[in-house]
C-alpha atoms as a PDB file:
ATOM      1  CA  MET A   1     -54.342  -3.095   4.772  1.00  0.00           C
ATOM      2  CA  PRO A   2     -51.831  -0.268   5.184  1.00  0.00           C
ATOM      3  CA  LYS A   3     -48.526  -0.295   3.315  1.00  0.00           C
ATOM      4  CA  ALA A   4     -45.469  -1.083   5.448  1.00  0.00           C
ATOM      5  CA  ASN A   5     -42.439   1.040   4.624  1.00  0.00           C
ATOM      6  CA  ASN A   6     -39.822  -0.181   7.120  1.00  0.00           C
ATOM      7  CA  ALA A   7     -38.786   3.441   7.497  1.00  0.00           C
ATOM      8  CA  VAL A   8     -36.319   2.719  10.299  1.00  0.00           C
ATOM      9  CA  ALA A   9     -34.149   0.438   8.163  1.00  0.00           C
ATOM     10  CA  ALA A  10     -34.432   2.702   5.121  1.00  0.00           C
ATOM     11  CA  LYS A  11     -33.344   5.748   7.101  1.00  0.00           C
ATOM     12  CA  ALA A  12     -30.446   3.818   8.629  1.00  0.00           C
ATOM     13  CA  ARG A  13     -29.330   2.706   5.177  1.00  0.00           C
ATOM     14  CA  ARG A  14     -29.442   6.274   3.842  1.00  0.00           C
ATOM     15  CA  LYS A  15     -27.590   7.578   6.895  1.00  0.00           C
ATOM     16  CA  ARG A  16     -24.870   4.941   6.506  1.00  0.00           C
ATOM     17  CA  VAL A  17     -24.236   5.924   2.874  1.00  0.00           C
ATOM     18  CA  LEU A  18     -24.380   9.668   3.609  1.00  0.00           C
ATOM     19  CA  LYS A  19     -21.938   9.244   6.495  1.00  0.00           C
ATOM     20  CA  LYS A  20     -19.403   7.652   4.121  1.00  0.00           C
ATOM     21  CA  ALA A  21     -19.706  10.733   1.868  1.00  0.00           C
ATOM     22  CA  LYS A  22     -18.947  13.195   4.659  1.00  0.00           C
ATOM     23  CA  GLY A  23     -16.724  15.968   3.325  1.00  0.00           C
ATOM     24  CA  TYR A  24     -17.518  15.361  -0.352  1.00  0.00           C
ATOM     25  CA  TRP A  25     -18.001  18.505  -2.398  1.00  0.00           C
ATOM     26  CA  GLY A  26     -21.455  19.783  -3.401  1.00  0.00           C
ATOM     27  CA  SER A  27     -24.190  17.323  -4.242  1.00  0.00           C
ATOM     28  CA  ARG A  28     -21.713  14.433  -3.942  1.00  0.00           C
ATOM     29  CA  GLY A  29     -22.098  14.852  -0.188  1.00  0.00           C
ATOM     30  CA  ASN A  30     -25.831  15.347   0.272  1.00  0.00           C
ATOM     31  CA  VAL A  31     -27.945  14.080  -2.675  1.00  0.00           C
ATOM     32  CA  LEU A  32     -28.586  10.393  -2.067  1.00  0.00           C
ATOM     33  CA  THR A  33     -28.417   9.102  -5.659  1.00  0.00           C
ATOM     34  CA  VAL A  34     -25.229  11.070  -6.377  1.00  0.00           C
ATOM     35  CA  VAL A  35     -23.769  10.044  -3.019  1.00  0.00           C
ATOM     36  CA  LYS A  36     -24.353   6.355  -3.799  1.00  0.00           C
ATOM     37  CA  HIS A  37     -22.366   6.625  -7.035  1.00  0.00           C
ATOM     38  CA  ALA A  38     -19.592   8.670  -5.416  1.00  0.00           C
ATOM     39  CA  VAL A  39     -19.246   6.266  -2.481  1.00  0.00           C
ATOM     40  CA  ASP A  40     -19.277   3.210  -4.785  1.00  0.00           C
ATOM     41  CA  LYS A  41     -16.500   4.708  -6.898  1.00  0.00           C
ATOM     42  CA  ALA A  42     -14.509   5.726  -3.813  1.00  0.00           C
ATOM     43  CA  GLU A  43     -14.719   2.170  -2.480  1.00  0.00           C
ATOM     44  CA  GLN A  44     -13.523   0.802  -5.833  1.00  0.00           C
ATOM     45  CA  TYR A  45     -10.519   3.126  -5.735  1.00  0.00           C
ATOM     46  CA  ALA A  46      -9.785   2.192  -2.122  1.00  0.00           C
ATOM     47  CA  TYR A  47      -9.878  -1.537  -2.940  1.00  0.00           C
ATOM     48  CA  ARG A  48      -7.641  -1.105  -5.983  1.00  0.00           C
ATOM     49  CA  ASP A  49      -5.170   1.178  -4.262  1.00  0.00           C
ATOM     50  CA  ARG A  50      -4.721  -1.055  -1.220  1.00  0.00           C
ATOM     51  CA  ARG A  51      -3.162  -3.515  -3.664  1.00  0.00           C
ATOM     52  CA  ALA A  52      -1.284  -0.864  -5.655  1.00  0.00           C
ATOM     53  CA  LYS A  53       0.296   0.422  -2.437  1.00  0.00           C
ATOM     54  CA  LYS A  54       2.000  -2.937  -1.913  1.00  0.00           C
ATOM     55  CA  ARG A  55       3.527  -2.766  -5.410  1.00  0.00           C
ATOM     56  CA  THR A  56       4.628   0.825  -4.885  1.00  0.00           C
ATOM     57  CA  PHE A  57       6.367   0.069  -1.606  1.00  0.00           C
ATOM     58  CA  ARG A  58       8.113  -2.998  -3.015  1.00  0.00           C
ATOM     59  CA  ALA A  59       9.460  -0.836  -5.857  1.00  0.00           C
ATOM     60  CA  LEU A  60      10.655   1.755  -3.326  1.00  0.00           C
ATOM     61  CA  TRP A  61      12.456  -0.895  -1.252  1.00  0.00           C
ATOM     62  CA  ILE A  62      14.156  -2.265  -4.370  1.00  0.00           C
ATOM     63  CA  MET A  63      15.321   1.241  -5.361  1.00  0.00           C
ATOM     64  CA  ARG A  64      16.771   1.849  -1.916  1.00  0.00           C
ATOM     65  CA  ILE A  65      18.541  -1.514  -1.822  1.00  0.00           C
ATOM     66  CA  ASN A  66      19.917  -0.965  -5.326  1.00  0.00           C
ATOM     67  CA  ALA A  67      21.235   2.505  -4.435  1.00  0.00           C
ATOM     68  CA  ALA A  68      22.919   1.187  -1.289  1.00  0.00           C
ATOM     69  CA  ALA A  69      24.287  -1.863  -3.121  1.00  0.00           C
ATOM     70  CA  ARG A  70      25.842   0.341  -5.799  1.00  0.00           C
ATOM     71  CA  LEU A  71      27.604   2.344  -3.082  1.00  0.00           C
ATOM     72  CA  ASN A  72      29.120  -0.991  -2.040  1.00  0.00           C
ATOM     73  CA  GLY A  73      30.310  -1.958  -5.529  1.00  0.00           C
ATOM     74  CA  THR A  74      27.534  -4.308  -6.636  1.00  0.00           C
ATOM     75  CA  THR A  75      24.014  -4.141  -8.025  1.00  0.00           C
ATOM     76  CA  TYR A  76      20.618  -5.181  -6.716  1.00  0.00           C
ATOM     77  CA  SER A  77      20.334  -8.142  -9.078  1.00  0.00           C
ATOM     78  CA  ARG A  78      23.803  -9.485  -8.211  1.00  0.00           C
ATOM     79  CA  LEU A  79      23.072  -9.035  -4.506  1.00  0.00           C
ATOM     80  CA  VAL A  80      19.744 -10.895  -4.693  1.00  0.00           C
ATOM     81  CA  ASP A  81      21.328 -13.655  -6.788  1.00  0.00           C
ATOM     82  CA  ALA A  82      24.107 -14.100  -4.203  1.00  0.00           C
ATOM     83  CA  MET A  83      21.511 -14.133  -1.409  1.00  0.00           C
ATOM     84  CA  ASN A  84      19.564 -16.892  -3.157  1.00  0.00           C
ATOM     85  CA  LYS A  85      22.698 -18.968  -3.722  1.00  0.00           C
ATOM     86  CA  LYS A  86      23.706 -18.639  -0.057  1.00  0.00           C
ATOM     87  CA  SER A  87      20.113 -19.146   1.170  1.00  0.00           C
ATOM     88  CA  VAL A  88      20.047 -15.812   3.001  1.00  0.00           C
ATOM     89  CA  GLU A  89      16.413 -14.948   3.691  1.00  0.00           C
ATOM     90  CA  ILE A  90      16.073 -11.256   4.498  1.00  0.00           C
ATOM     91  CA  ASP A  91      13.011  -9.591   3.031  1.00  0.00           C
ATOM     92  CA  ARG A  92      13.285  -6.429   0.962  1.00  0.00           C
ATOM     93  CA  LYS A  93      11.533  -4.275   3.539  1.00  0.00           C
ATOM     94  CA  ALA A  94      14.096  -5.170   6.227  1.00  0.00           C
ATOM     95  CA  MET A  95      17.044  -4.768   3.851  1.00  0.00           C
ATOM     96  CA  ALA A  96      15.829  -1.351   2.719  1.00  0.00           C
ATOM     97  CA  GLU A  97      15.411  -0.302   6.359  1.00  0.00           C
ATOM     98  CA  ILE A  98      18.984  -1.400   7.148  1.00  0.00           C
ATOM     99  CA  ALA A  99      20.280   0.352   4.016  1.00  0.00           C
ATOM    100  CA  VAL A 100      18.663   3.649   5.023  1.00  0.00           C
ATOM    101  CA  LYS A 101      19.113   3.606   8.816  1.00  0.00           C
ATOM    102  CA  ASP A 102      22.505   1.855   9.158  1.00  0.00           C
ATOM    103  CA  PRO A 103      24.634   1.981   5.988  1.00  0.00           C
ATOM    104  CA  GLU A 104      27.642   0.505   7.803  1.00  0.00           C
ATOM    105  CA  ALA A 105      25.685  -2.607   8.787  1.00  0.00           C
ATOM    106  CA  PHE A 106      24.415  -2.869   5.197  1.00  0.00           C
ATOM    107  CA  SER A 107      28.010  -2.760   3.946  1.00  0.00           C
ATOM    108  CA  GLN A 108      28.912  -5.630   6.268  1.00  0.00           C
ATOM    109  CA  LEU A 109      25.855  -7.546   5.100  1.00  0.00           C
ATOM    110  CA  VAL A 110      26.816  -7.071   1.442  1.00  0.00           C
ATOM    111  CA  LYS A 111      30.393  -8.215   2.118  1.00  0.00           C
ATOM    112  CA  ALA A 112      29.142 -11.300   3.939  1.00  0.00           C
ATOM    113  CA  ILE A 113      26.786 -12.188   1.113  1.00  0.00           C
ATOM    114  CA  ILE A 114      29.006 -11.408  -1.878  1.00  0.00           C
ATOM    115  CA  ASP A 115      32.217 -12.993  -0.512  1.00  0.00           C
END
């Protein structure tokens, strides 16, 4: 009985991995065993960095809010504490956007929260 290879599926699998490695330098883009390792590592980095990006952006928003708050005579921690006490629920992303795009509105917001 002849050996069945299932060549169609095998070729599709190789093509799928090689397509993910498009643009990789040297053998990382065209030698299947090297490509597998390179693609696996790239996917690990992508997974990790999707989470790291969230942390990075949160830190950026906090820096922007803190800088704008200091221009208005307070600090980030005092501002957030006052917001919690007054039950003001504005997320950091929105506050940072207001601080950057409309400093006058941010000043009014700070006065409303702190007073």
